[in-house]
């Protein structure tokens, strides 16, 4: 052994709500699908993404500051109801909700 330790670099992203930097695994990726902001926990949805702490306070700040409009480079306002429900469930139970059948964003483009 050479005495060196290898630490894997973790990508850093900025929360669009509170503007704090955090590691990518700590944040929830949000994607735009048909004018709706939807959670993208698997990082598989197409298009631009915005990152958000899994807290309602950060979501409220992002909506109030129109951060999603800037992040998605669109006029907005975007529907955040699904994202609100997702975060509410996480805050109440400490777990992410199960994916809905017939995934809401399968094959959808911006």
C-alpha atoms as a PDB file:
ATOM      1  CA  UNK A   1       0.000   0.000   0.000  1.00  0.00           C
ATOM      2  CA  UNK A   2       1.189   3.430  -0.809  1.00  0.00           C
ATOM      3  CA  UNK A   3      -0.621   5.124   2.066  1.00  0.00           C
ATOM      4  CA  UNK A   4      -2.877   7.082  -0.241  1.00  0.00           C
ATOM      5  CA  UNK A   5      -6.590   6.926   0.122  1.00  0.00           C
ATOM      6  CA  UNK A   6      -8.859   7.352  -2.802  1.00  0.00           C
ATOM      7  CA  UNK A   7     -11.947   9.375  -2.179  1.00  0.00           C
ATOM      8  CA  UNK A   8     -14.445   9.619  -4.896  1.00  0.00           C
ATOM      9  CA  UNK A   9     -15.420  13.134  -5.902  1.00  0.00           C
ATOM     10  CA  UNK A  10     -19.085  13.947  -5.403  1.00  0.00           C
ATOM     11  CA  UNK A  11     -20.635  16.437  -7.817  1.00  0.00           C
ATOM     12  CA  UNK A  12     -21.830  19.619  -6.141  1.00  0.00           C
ATOM     13  CA  UNK A  13     -25.100  21.296  -7.129  1.00  0.00           C
ATOM     14  CA  UNK A  14     -26.934  24.414  -5.945  1.00  0.00           C
ATOM     15  CA  UNK A  15     -30.472  24.320  -4.545  1.00  0.00           C
ATOM     16  CA  UNK A  16     -32.685  26.672  -6.583  1.00  0.00           C
ATOM     17  CA  UNK A  17     -34.664  27.508  -3.434  1.00  0.00           C
ATOM     18  CA  UNK A  18     -32.146  28.441  -0.750  1.00  0.00           C
ATOM     19  CA  UNK A  19     -29.136  28.785  -3.112  1.00  0.00           C
ATOM     20  CA  UNK A  20     -26.959  26.617  -0.848  1.00  0.00           C
ATOM     21  CA  UNK A  21     -24.477  24.230  -2.394  1.00  0.00           C
ATOM     22  CA  UNK A  22     -24.718  20.552  -1.508  1.00  0.00           C
ATOM     23  CA  UNK A  23     -23.657  17.188  -2.827  1.00  0.00           C
ATOM     24  CA  UNK A  24     -25.786  15.833  -5.626  1.00  0.00           C
ATOM     25  CA  UNK A  25     -27.116  12.861  -3.558  1.00  0.00           C
ATOM     26  CA  UNK A  26     -28.494  15.296  -0.941  1.00  0.00           C
ATOM     27  CA  UNK A  27     -30.660  17.139  -3.470  1.00  0.00           C
ATOM     28  CA  UNK A  28     -33.737  16.186  -5.465  1.00  0.00           C
ATOM     29  CA  UNK A  29     -33.543  16.674  -9.226  1.00  0.00           C
ATOM     30  CA  UNK A  30     -36.606  18.355 -10.714  1.00  0.00           C
ATOM     31  CA  UNK A  31     -37.373  18.090 -14.430  1.00  0.00           C
ATOM     32  CA  UNK A  32     -39.864  19.879 -16.616  1.00  0.00           C
ATOM     33  CA  UNK A  33     -42.413  17.661 -18.355  1.00  0.00           C
ATOM     34  CA  UNK A  34     -45.234  19.277 -20.285  1.00  0.00           C
ATOM     35  CA  UNK A  35     -45.269  22.461 -18.197  1.00  0.00           C
ATOM     36  CA  UNK A  36     -45.121  20.529 -14.896  1.00  0.00           C
ATOM     37  CA  UNK A  37     -42.241  20.343 -12.453  1.00  0.00           C
ATOM     38  CA  UNK A  38     -41.870  16.660 -11.609  1.00  0.00           C
ATOM     39  CA  UNK A  39     -39.413  14.933  -9.267  1.00  0.00           C
ATOM     40  CA  UNK A  40     -36.717  12.932 -11.038  1.00  0.00           C
ATOM     41  CA  UNK A  41     -35.170  10.725  -8.363  1.00  0.00           C
ATOM     42  CA  UNK A  42     -33.447   8.439 -10.875  1.00  0.00           C
ATOM     43  CA  UNK A  43     -31.888  11.272 -12.945  1.00  0.00           C
ATOM     44  CA  UNK A  44     -33.294   9.762 -16.133  1.00  0.00           C
ATOM     45  CA  UNK A  45     -35.711  12.371 -17.465  1.00  0.00           C
ATOM     46  CA  UNK A  46     -34.624  14.323 -20.507  1.00  0.00           C
ATOM     47  CA  UNK A  47     -33.880  18.004 -20.624  1.00  0.00           C
ATOM     48  CA  UNK A  48     -32.621  20.537 -18.156  1.00  0.00           C
ATOM     49  CA  UNK A  49     -32.866  19.806 -14.484  1.00  0.00           C
ATOM     50  CA  UNK A  50     -33.032  21.926 -11.362  1.00  0.00           C
ATOM     51  CA  UNK A  51     -31.918  20.750  -7.942  1.00  0.00           C
ATOM     52  CA  UNK A  52     -33.805  21.293  -4.712  1.00  0.00           C
ATOM     53  CA  UNK A  53     -33.410  20.277  -1.078  1.00  0.00           C
ATOM     54  CA  UNK A  54     -36.195  17.850  -0.124  1.00  0.00           C
ATOM     55  CA  UNK A  55     -37.919  20.480   2.034  1.00  0.00           C
ATOM     56  CA  UNK A  56     -41.093  22.479   1.505  1.00  0.00           C
ATOM     57  CA  UNK A  57     -39.333  25.665   2.590  1.00  0.00           C
ATOM     58  CA  UNK A  58     -36.900  25.417  -0.324  1.00  0.00           C
ATOM     59  CA  UNK A  59     -39.753  24.712  -2.743  1.00  0.00           C
ATOM     60  CA  UNK A  60     -41.691  27.759  -1.498  1.00  0.00           C
ATOM     61  CA  UNK A  61     -38.618  29.960  -1.896  1.00  0.00           C
ATOM     62  CA  UNK A  62     -38.015  28.666  -5.413  1.00  0.00           C
ATOM     63  CA  UNK A  63     -41.620  29.360  -6.441  1.00  0.00           C
ATOM     64  CA  UNK A  64     -41.641  32.805  -4.824  1.00  0.00           C
ATOM     65  CA  UNK A  65     -38.346  33.779  -6.466  1.00  0.00           C
ATOM     66  CA  UNK A  66     -39.402  32.290  -9.837  1.00  0.00           C
ATOM     67  CA  UNK A  67     -36.262  30.162  -9.790  1.00  0.00           C
ATOM     68  CA  UNK A  68     -37.819  27.402 -11.900  1.00  0.00           C
ATOM     69  CA  UNK A  69     -38.481  29.925 -14.683  1.00  0.00           C
ATOM     70  CA  UNK A  70     -34.768  30.750 -14.791  1.00  0.00           C
ATOM     71  CA  UNK A  71     -33.577  27.172 -14.341  1.00  0.00           C
ATOM     72  CA  UNK A  72     -35.763  25.838 -17.156  1.00  0.00           C
ATOM     73  CA  UNK A  73     -35.358  28.973 -19.281  1.00  0.00           C
ATOM     74  CA  UNK A  74     -39.094  29.285 -19.784  1.00  0.00           C
ATOM     75  CA  UNK A  75     -41.791  31.850 -19.171  1.00  0.00           C
ATOM     76  CA  UNK A  76     -43.653  29.771 -16.552  1.00  0.00           C
ATOM     77  CA  UNK A  77     -45.429  29.656 -14.238  1.00  0.00           C
ATOM     78  CA  UNK A  78     -44.982  25.905 -13.991  1.00  0.00           C
ATOM     79  CA  UNK A  79     -47.326  23.542 -12.167  1.00  0.00           C
ATOM     80  CA  UNK A  80     -45.645  22.343  -8.953  1.00  0.00           C
ATOM     81  CA  UNK A  81     -48.545  20.352  -7.430  1.00  0.00           C
ATOM     82  CA  UNK A  82     -46.948  16.944  -8.039  1.00  0.00           C
ATOM     83  CA  UNK A  83     -43.660  18.157  -6.587  1.00  0.00           C
ATOM     84  CA  UNK A  84     -45.439  19.575  -3.508  1.00  0.00           C
ATOM     85  CA  UNK A  85     -47.198  16.241  -2.894  1.00  0.00           C
ATOM     86  CA  UNK A  86     -43.918  14.388  -3.292  1.00  0.00           C
ATOM     87  CA  UNK A  87     -42.112  16.596  -0.762  1.00  0.00           C
ATOM     88  CA  UNK A  88     -45.037  16.538   1.672  1.00  0.00           C
ATOM     89  CA  UNK A  89     -45.013  12.733   1.686  1.00  0.00           C
ATOM     90  CA  UNK A  90     -41.240  12.699   2.255  1.00  0.00           C
ATOM     91  CA  UNK A  91     -41.466  15.142   5.177  1.00  0.00           C
ATOM     92  CA  UNK A  92     -44.274  13.155   6.830  1.00  0.00           C
ATOM     93  CA  UNK A  93     -42.861   9.653   6.440  1.00  0.00           C
ATOM     94  CA  UNK A  94     -39.142  10.116   5.848  1.00  0.00           C
ATOM     95  CA  UNK A  95     -39.448   8.003   2.676  1.00  0.00           C
ATOM     96  CA  UNK A  96     -40.006   8.855  -0.929  1.00  0.00           C
ATOM     97  CA  UNK A  97     -43.413   7.848  -2.310  1.00  0.00           C
ATOM     98  CA  UNK A  98     -43.605   4.829  -4.589  1.00  0.00           C
ATOM     99  CA  UNK A  99     -43.549   5.685  -8.290  1.00  0.00           C
ATOM    100  CA  UNK A 100     -46.956   5.881  -9.896  1.00  0.00           C
ATOM    101  CA  UNK A 101     -47.877   3.245 -12.425  1.00  0.00           C
ATOM    102  CA  UNK A 102     -47.554   4.467 -15.989  1.00  0.00           C
ATOM    103  CA  UNK A 103     -44.740   6.837 -15.102  1.00  0.00           C
ATOM    104  CA  UNK A 104     -45.812  10.416 -15.618  1.00  0.00           C
ATOM    105  CA  UNK A 105     -42.862  11.381 -17.774  1.00  0.00           C
ATOM    106  CA  UNK A 106     -42.096   8.294 -19.824  1.00  0.00           C
ATOM    107  CA  UNK A 107     -40.953   9.435 -23.227  1.00  0.00           C
ATOM    108  CA  UNK A 108     -42.245  12.980 -22.746  1.00  0.00           C
ATOM    109  CA  UNK A 109     -40.361  15.894 -24.218  1.00  0.00           C
ATOM    110  CA  UNK A 110     -40.270  19.464 -23.037  1.00  0.00           C
END
